[in-house]
PDB file of all heavy atoms in Angstrom:
ATOM      1  N   GLU A   1     -87.435 -29.953  29.902  1.00  0.00           N
ATOM      2  CA  GLU A   1     -86.732 -28.723  29.511  1.00  0.00           C
ATOM      3  C   GLU A   1     -85.639 -29.068  28.506  1.00  0.00           C
ATOM      4  O   GLU A   1     -84.924 -30.072  28.690  1.00  0.00           O
ATOM      5  CB  GLU A   1     -86.167 -28.042  30.781  1.00  0.00           C
ATOM      6  CG  GLU A   1     -87.237 -27.604  31.725  1.00  0.00           C
ATOM      7  CD  GLU A   1     -86.608 -26.966  32.977  1.00  0.00           C
ATOM      8  OE1 GLU A   1     -85.388 -26.777  32.979  1.00  0.00           O
ATOM      9  OE2 GLU A   1     -87.380 -26.711  33.893  1.00  0.00           O
ATOM     10  N   HIS A   2     -85.468 -28.277  27.486  1.00  0.00           N
ATOM     11  CA  HIS A   2     -84.457 -28.563  26.485  1.00  0.00           C
ATOM     12  C   HIS A   2     -83.992 -27.238  25.858  1.00  0.00           C
ATOM     13  O   HIS A   2     -84.508 -26.201  26.191  1.00  0.00           O
ATOM     14  CB  HIS A   2     -84.952 -29.545  25.465  1.00  0.00           C
ATOM     15  CG  HIS A   2     -86.259 -29.060  24.727  1.00  0.00           C
ATOM     16  ND1 HIS A   2     -86.289 -28.034  23.891  1.00  0.00           N
ATOM     17  CD2 HIS A   2     -87.459 -29.574  24.906  1.00  0.00           C
ATOM     18  CE1 HIS A   2     -87.523 -27.912  23.492  1.00  0.00           C
ATOM     19  NE2 HIS A   2     -88.290 -28.775  24.072  1.00  0.00           N
ATOM     20  N   ASP A   3     -82.994 -27.363  24.957  1.00  0.00           N
ATOM     21  CA  ASP A   3     -82.388 -26.161  24.405  1.00  0.00           C
ATOM     22  C   ASP A   3     -83.383 -25.229  23.675  1.00  0.00           C
ATOM     23  O   ASP A   3     -83.214 -24.013  23.663  1.00  0.00           O
ATOM     24  CB  ASP A   3     -81.246 -26.567  23.493  1.00  0.00           C
ATOM     25  CG  ASP A   3     -80.066 -27.122  24.232  1.00  0.00           C
ATOM     26  OD1 ASP A   3     -80.059 -26.972  25.447  1.00  0.00           O
ATOM     27  OD2 ASP A   3     -79.271 -27.859  23.605  1.00  0.00           O
ATOM     28  N   GLY A   4     -84.400 -25.811  23.046  1.00  0.00           N
ATOM     29  CA  GLY A   4     -85.344 -24.996  22.320  1.00  0.00           C
ATOM     30  C   GLY A   4     -86.101 -24.012  23.219  1.00  0.00           C
ATOM     31  O   GLY A   4     -86.209 -22.829  22.896  1.00  0.00           O
ATOM     32  N   ILE A   5     -86.543 -24.493  24.396  1.00  0.00           N
ATOM     33  CA  ILE A   5     -87.133 -23.597  25.324  1.00  0.00           C
ATOM     34  C   ILE A   5     -86.164 -22.552  25.876  1.00  0.00           C
ATOM     35  O   ILE A   5     -86.502 -21.426  26.061  1.00  0.00           O
ATOM     36  CB  ILE A   5     -87.780 -24.441  26.468  1.00  0.00           C
ATOM     37  CG1 ILE A   5     -88.909 -25.335  25.956  1.00  0.00           C
ATOM     38  CG2 ILE A   5     -88.337 -23.497  27.597  1.00  0.00           C
ATOM     39  CD1 ILE A   5     -89.506 -26.239  26.945  1.00  0.00           C
ATOM     40  N   GLU A   6     -85.000 -23.030  26.247  1.00  0.00           N
ATOM     41  CA  GLU A   6     -83.989 -22.110  26.772  1.00  0.00           C
ATOM     42  C   GLU A   6     -83.681 -20.994  25.784  1.00  0.00           C
ATOM     43  O   GLU A   6     -83.495 -19.831  26.180  1.00  0.00           O
ATOM     44  CB  GLU A   6     -82.727 -22.860  27.113  1.00  0.00           C
ATOM     45  CG  GLU A   6     -82.847 -23.798  28.317  1.00  0.00           C
ATOM     46  CD  GLU A   6     -81.626 -24.665  28.529  1.00  0.00           C
ATOM     47  OE1 GLU A   6     -80.626 -24.494  27.804  1.00  0.00           O
ATOM     48  OE2 GLU A   6     -81.698 -25.453  29.464  1.00  0.00           O
ATOM     49  N   GLY A   7     -83.639 -21.303  24.499  1.00  0.00           N
ATOM     50  CA  GLY A   7     -83.418 -20.296  23.498  1.00  0.00           C
ATOM     51  C   GLY A   7     -84.508 -19.211  23.430  1.00  0.00           C
ATOM     52  O   GLY A   7     -84.266 -18.041  23.361  1.00  0.00           O
ATOM     53  N   VAL A   8     -85.733 -19.714  23.527  1.00  0.00           N
ATOM     54  CA  VAL A   8     -86.898 -18.733  23.507  1.00  0.00           C
ATOM     55  C   VAL A   8     -86.828 -17.845  24.760  1.00  0.00           C
ATOM     56  O   VAL A   8     -86.996 -16.679  24.685  1.00  0.00           O
ATOM     57  CB  VAL A   8     -88.270 -19.536  23.506  1.00  0.00           C
ATOM     58  CG1 VAL A   8     -89.419 -18.585  23.730  1.00  0.00           C
ATOM     59  CG2 VAL A   8     -88.389 -20.242  22.185  1.00  0.00           C
ATOM     60  N   ILE A   9     -86.602 -18.490  25.948  1.00  0.00           N
ATOM     61  CA  ILE A   9     -86.543 -17.731  27.148  1.00  0.00           C
ATOM     62  C   ILE A   9     -85.441 -16.670  27.160  1.00  0.00           C
ATOM     63  O   ILE A   9     -85.593 -15.478  27.569  1.00  0.00           O
ATOM     64  CB  ILE A   9     -86.467 -18.638  28.404  1.00  0.00           C
ATOM     65  CG1 ILE A   9     -87.711 -19.452  28.509  1.00  0.00           C
ATOM     66  CG2 ILE A   9     -86.104 -17.877  29.641  1.00  0.00           C
ATOM     67  CD1 ILE A   9     -87.708 -20.421  29.599  1.00  0.00           C
ATOM     68  N   LYS A  10     -84.271 -17.091  26.650  1.00  0.00           N
ATOM     69  CA  LYS A  10     -83.176 -16.112  26.557  1.00  0.00           C
ATOM     70  C   LYS A  10     -83.515 -14.930  25.733  1.00  0.00           C
ATOM     71  O   LYS A  10     -83.205 -13.770  26.176  1.00  0.00           O
ATOM     72  CB  LYS A  10     -81.961 -16.838  25.974  1.00  0.00           C
ATOM     73  CG  LYS A  10     -80.714 -15.918  25.854  1.00  0.00           C
ATOM     74  CD  LYS A  10     -79.509 -16.724  25.244  1.00  0.00           C
ATOM     75  CE  LYS A  10     -78.311 -15.814  25.099  1.00  0.00           C
ATOM     76  NZ  LYS A  10     -77.161 -16.523  24.450  1.00  0.00           N
ATOM     77  N   LYS A  11     -84.150 -15.112  24.630  1.00  0.00           N
ATOM     78  CA  LYS A  11     -84.560 -14.003  23.752  1.00  0.00           C
ATOM     79  C   LYS A  11     -85.572 -13.077  24.456  1.00  0.00           C
ATOM     80  O   LYS A  11     -85.453 -11.837  24.387  1.00  0.00           O
ATOM     81  CB  LYS A  11     -85.176 -14.528  22.453  1.00  0.00           C
ATOM     82  CG  LYS A  11     -84.150 -15.155  21.482  1.00  0.00           C
ATOM     83  CD  LYS A  11     -83.234 -14.076  20.879  1.00  0.00           C
ATOM     84  CE  LYS A  11     -82.309 -14.658  19.813  1.00  0.00           C
ATOM     85  NZ  LYS A  11     -81.406 -13.672  19.293  1.00  0.00           N
ATOM     86  N   LEU A  12     -86.513 -13.749  25.200  1.00  0.00           N
ATOM     87  CA  LEU A  12     -87.491 -12.939  25.830  1.00  0.00           C
ATOM     88  C   LEU A  12     -86.960 -12.172  27.008  1.00  0.00           C
ATOM     89  O   LEU A  12     -87.319 -10.973  27.261  1.00  0.00           O
ATOM     90  CB  LEU A  12     -88.611 -13.883  26.387  1.00  0.00           C
ATOM     91  CG  LEU A  12     -89.474 -14.539  25.313  1.00  0.00           C
ATOM     92  CD1 LEU A  12     -90.422 -15.519  25.979  1.00  0.00           C
ATOM     93  CD2 LEU A  12     -90.249 -13.547  24.474  1.00  0.00           C
ATOM     94  N   ILE A  13     -86.034 -12.697  27.759  1.00  0.00           N
ATOM     95  CA  ILE A  13     -85.334 -11.953  28.841  1.00  0.00           C
ATOM     96  C   ILE A  13     -84.545 -10.822  28.240  1.00  0.00           C
ATOM     97  O   ILE A  13     -84.583  -9.687  28.807  1.00  0.00           O
ATOM     98  CB  ILE A  13     -84.340 -12.861  29.626  1.00  0.00           C
ATOM     99  CG1 ILE A  13     -85.166 -13.863  30.408  1.00  0.00           C
ATOM    100  CG2 ILE A  13     -83.473 -12.080  30.512  1.00  0.00           C
ATOM    101  CD1 ILE A  13     -84.387 -15.022  31.050  1.00  0.00           C
ATOM    102  N   GLU A  14     -83.816 -10.970  27.143  1.00  0.00           N
ATOM    103  CA  GLU A  14     -83.105  -9.896  26.501  1.00  0.00           C
ATOM    104  C   GLU A  14     -83.935  -8.724  26.127  1.00  0.00           C
ATOM    105  O   GLU A  14     -83.583  -7.584  26.197  1.00  0.00           O
ATOM    106  CB  GLU A  14     -82.372 -10.450  25.262  1.00  0.00           C
ATOM    107  CG  GLU A  14     -81.210 -11.357  25.546  1.00  0.00           C
ATOM    108  CD  GLU A  14     -80.649 -11.995  24.284  1.00  0.00           C
ATOM    109  OE1 GLU A  14     -81.248 -11.770  23.205  1.00  0.00           O
ATOM    110  OE2 GLU A  14     -79.624 -12.691  24.396  1.00  0.00           O
ATOM    111  N   LYS A  15     -85.267  -9.011  25.752  1.00  0.00           N
ATOM    112  CA  LYS A  15     -86.201  -7.975  25.328  1.00  0.00           C
ATOM    113  C   LYS A  15     -87.004  -7.454  26.524  1.00  0.00           C
ATOM    114  O   LYS A  15     -87.886  -6.579  26.341  1.00  0.00           O
ATOM    115  CB  LYS A  15     -87.095  -8.513  24.327  1.00  0.00           C
ATOM    116  CG  LYS A  15     -86.432  -8.819  22.925  1.00  0.00           C
ATOM    117  CD  LYS A  15     -87.398  -9.370  21.962  1.00  0.00           C
ATOM    118  CE  LYS A  15     -86.694  -9.634  20.617  1.00  0.00           C
ATOM    119  NZ  LYS A  15     -86.380  -8.375  19.919  1.00  0.00           N
ATOM    120  N   GLY A  16     -86.711  -7.960  27.761  1.00  0.00           N
ATOM    121  CA  GLY A  16     -87.430  -7.506  28.938  1.00  0.00           C
ATOM    122  C   GLY A  16     -88.933  -7.860  28.994  1.00  0.00           C
ATOM    123  O   GLY A  16     -89.741  -7.154  29.561  1.00  0.00           O
ATOM    124  N   MET A  17     -89.245  -9.020  28.377  1.00  0.00           N
ATOM    125  CA  MET A  17     -90.654  -9.428  28.272  1.00  0.00           C
ATOM    126  C   MET A  17     -91.070 -10.428  29.335  1.00  0.00           C
ATOM    127  O   MET A  17     -92.186 -10.826  29.372  1.00  0.00           O
ATOM    128  CB  MET A  17     -90.911  -9.974  26.853  1.00  0.00           C
ATOM    129  CG  MET A  17     -90.688  -8.942  25.830  1.00  0.00           C
ATOM    130  SD  MET A  17     -90.536  -9.576  24.124  1.00  0.00           S
ATOM    131  CE  MET A  17     -92.174 -10.180  23.801  1.00  0.00           C
ATOM    132  N   LEU A  18     -90.213 -10.827  30.276  1.00  0.00           N
ATOM    133  CA  LEU A  18     -90.543 -11.845  31.264  1.00  0.00           C
ATOM    134  C   LEU A  18     -90.515 -11.305  32.676  1.00  0.00           C
ATOM    135  O   LEU A  18     -91.403 -11.500  33.528  1.00  0.00           O
ATOM    136  CB  LEU A  18     -89.691 -13.098  31.191  1.00  0.00           C
ATOM    137  CG  LEU A  18     -89.836 -13.959  29.954  1.00  0.00           C
ATOM    138  CD1 LEU A  18     -88.904 -15.190  30.110  1.00  0.00           C
ATOM    139  CD2 LEU A  18     -91.231 -14.370  29.736  1.00  0.00           C
ATOM    140  N   SER A  19     -89.426 -10.626  33.070  1.00  0.00           N
ATOM    141  CA  SER A  19     -89.139 -10.281  34.510  1.00  0.00           C
ATOM    142  C   SER A  19     -90.236  -9.372  35.024  1.00  0.00           C
ATOM    143  O   SER A  19     -90.470  -8.229  34.515  1.00  0.00           O
ATOM    144  CB  SER A  19     -87.722  -9.659  34.560  1.00  0.00           C
ATOM    145  OG  SER A  19     -86.766 -10.488  34.154  1.00  0.00           O
ATOM    146  N   GLY A  20     -90.865  -9.861  36.101  1.00  0.00           N
ATOM    147  CA  GLY A  20     -91.896  -9.049  36.810  1.00  0.00           C
ATOM    148  C   GLY A  20     -93.166  -8.862  36.077  1.00  0.00           C
ATOM    149  O   GLY A  20     -93.988  -8.001  36.475  1.00  0.00           O
ATOM    150  N   GLN A  21     -93.404  -9.612  35.021  1.00  0.00           N
ATOM    151  CA  GLN A  21     -94.565  -9.390  34.169  1.00  0.00           C
ATOM    152  C   GLN A  21     -95.778 -10.339  34.569  1.00  0.00           C
ATOM    153  O   GLN A  21     -95.570 -11.412  35.119  1.00  0.00           O
ATOM    154  CB  GLN A  21     -94.208  -9.649  32.700  1.00  0.00           C
ATOM    155  CG  GLN A  21     -93.042  -8.826  32.150  1.00  0.00           C
ATOM    156  CD  GLN A  21     -93.299  -7.327  32.235  1.00  0.00           C
ATOM    157  OE1 GLN A  21     -94.323  -6.849  31.732  1.00  0.00           O
ATOM    158  NE2 GLN A  21     -92.365  -6.594  32.816  1.00  0.00           N
ATOM    159  N   LYS A  22     -96.958  -9.866  34.159  1.00  0.00           N
ATOM    160  CA  LYS A  22     -98.162 -10.706  34.245  1.00  0.00           C
ATOM    161  C   LYS A  22     -98.297 -11.363  32.820  1.00  0.00           C
ATOM    162  O   LYS A  22     -98.489 -10.726  31.836  1.00  0.00           O
ATOM    163  CB  LYS A  22     -99.437  -9.908  34.502  1.00  0.00           C
ATOM    164  CG  LYS A  22     -99.434  -9.325  35.921  1.00  0.00           C
ATOM    165  CD  LYS A  22    -100.591  -8.470  36.166  1.00  0.00           C
ATOM    166  CE  LYS A  22    -101.960  -9.274  36.172  1.00  0.00           C
ATOM    167  NZ  LYS A  22    -102.029 -10.152  37.344  1.00  0.00           N
ATOM    168  N   ILE A  23     -98.186 -12.712  32.846  1.00  0.00           N
ATOM    169  CA  ILE A  23     -98.112 -13.467  31.582  1.00  0.00           C
ATOM    170  C   ILE A  23     -99.276 -14.376  31.386  1.00  0.00           C
ATOM    171  O   ILE A  23     -99.734 -15.042  32.318  1.00  0.00           O
ATOM    172  CB  ILE A  23     -96.778 -14.277  31.519  1.00  0.00           C
ATOM    173  CG1 ILE A  23     -95.566 -13.307  31.558  1.00  0.00           C
ATOM    174  CG2 ILE A  23     -96.746 -15.130  30.233  1.00  0.00           C
ATOM    175  CD1 ILE A  23     -94.241 -14.011  31.633  1.00  0.00           C
ATOM    176  N   LEU A  24     -99.798 -14.446  30.117  1.00  0.00           N
ATOM    177  CA  LEU A  24    -100.793 -15.435  29.767  1.00  0.00           C
ATOM    178  C   LEU A  24    -100.224 -16.331  28.694  1.00  0.00           C
ATOM    179  O   LEU A  24     -99.654 -15.921  27.717  1.00  0.00           O
ATOM    180  CB  LEU A  24    -101.994 -14.714  29.166  1.00  0.00           C
ATOM    181  CG  LEU A  24    -103.137 -15.610  28.584  1.00  0.00           C
ATOM    182  CD1 LEU A  24    -103.746 -16.466  29.664  1.00  0.00           C
ATOM    183  CD2 LEU A  24    -104.169 -14.770  27.808  1.00  0.00           C
ATOM    184  N   ASP A  25    -100.316 -17.626  28.978  1.00  0.00           N
ATOM    185  CA  ASP A  25     -99.895 -18.664  28.041  1.00  0.00           C
ATOM    186  C   ASP A  25    -101.142 -19.356  27.444  1.00  0.00           C
ATOM    187  O   ASP A  25    -101.805 -20.076  28.201  1.00  0.00           O
ATOM    188  CB  ASP A  25     -98.975 -19.639  28.643  1.00  0.00           C
ATOM    189  CG  ASP A  25     -98.344 -20.698  27.754  1.00  0.00           C
ATOM    190  OD1 ASP A  25     -98.711 -20.658  26.505  1.00  0.00           O
ATOM    191  OD2 ASP A  25     -97.620 -21.581  28.153  1.00  0.00           O
ATOM    192  N   ILE A  26    -101.499 -19.102  26.192  1.00  0.00           N
ATOM    193  CA  ILE A  26    -102.711 -19.616  25.590  1.00  0.00           C
ATOM    194  C   ILE A  26    -102.386 -21.025  25.020  1.00  0.00           C
ATOM    195  O   ILE A  26    -101.417 -21.268  24.290  1.00  0.00           O
ATOM    196  CB  ILE A  26    -103.190 -18.772  24.454  1.00  0.00           C
ATOM    197  CG1 ILE A  26    -103.457 -17.307  24.930  1.00  0.00           C
ATOM    198  CG2 ILE A  26    -104.447 -19.322  23.844  1.00  0.00           C
ATOM    199  CD1 ILE A  26    -103.643 -16.295  23.815  1.00  0.00           C
ATOM    200  N   GLY A  27    -103.270 -21.991  25.408  1.00  0.00           N
ATOM    201  CA  GLY A  27    -103.043 -23.359  24.929  1.00  0.00           C
ATOM    202  C   GLY A  27    -101.741 -23.926  25.395  1.00  0.00           C
ATOM    203  O   GLY A  27    -101.041 -24.599  24.658  1.00  0.00           O
ATOM    204  N   GLY A  28    -101.394 -23.689  26.648  1.00  0.00           N
ATOM    205  CA  GLY A  28    -100.088 -24.020  27.181  1.00  0.00           C
ATOM    206  C   GLY A  28     -99.861 -25.427  27.499  1.00  0.00           C
ATOM    207  O   GLY A  28     -98.761 -25.768  28.020  1.00  0.00           O
ATOM    208  N   GLY A  29    -100.835 -26.311  27.312  1.00  0.00           N
ATOM    209  CA  GLY A  29    -100.618 -27.739  27.526  1.00  0.00           C
ATOM    210  C   GLY A  29    -100.196 -28.031  28.943  1.00  0.00           C
ATOM    211  O   GLY A  29    -100.788 -27.567  29.950  1.00  0.00           O
ATOM    212  N   ALA A  30     -99.170 -28.788  29.127  1.00  0.00           N
ATOM    213  CA  ALA A  30     -98.650 -29.254  30.401  1.00  0.00           C
ATOM    214  C   ALA A  30     -97.597 -28.314  30.944  1.00  0.00           C
ATOM    215  O   ALA A  30     -96.862 -28.697  31.852  1.00  0.00           O
ATOM    216  CB  ALA A  30     -98.090 -30.662  30.285  1.00  0.00           C
ATOM    217  N   GLY A  31     -97.573 -27.108  30.433  1.00  0.00           N
ATOM    218  CA  GLY A  31     -96.719 -26.091  31.077  1.00  0.00           C
ATOM    219  C   GLY A  31     -95.317 -26.015  30.564  1.00  0.00           C
ATOM    220  O   GLY A  31     -94.397 -25.538  31.253  1.00  0.00           O
TER     221      GLY A  31
END
C-alpha cells in the first residue's frame, strides 16, 4: 500500500463509487 493507491481511493470515496458497491477489478493482478 502506498500514497498512489490512497489517492485513487480517496477520489473514489468522494464520488461515492466504493461504499456498499459491487465492484469488478479487471486484470487486478495480486489485488
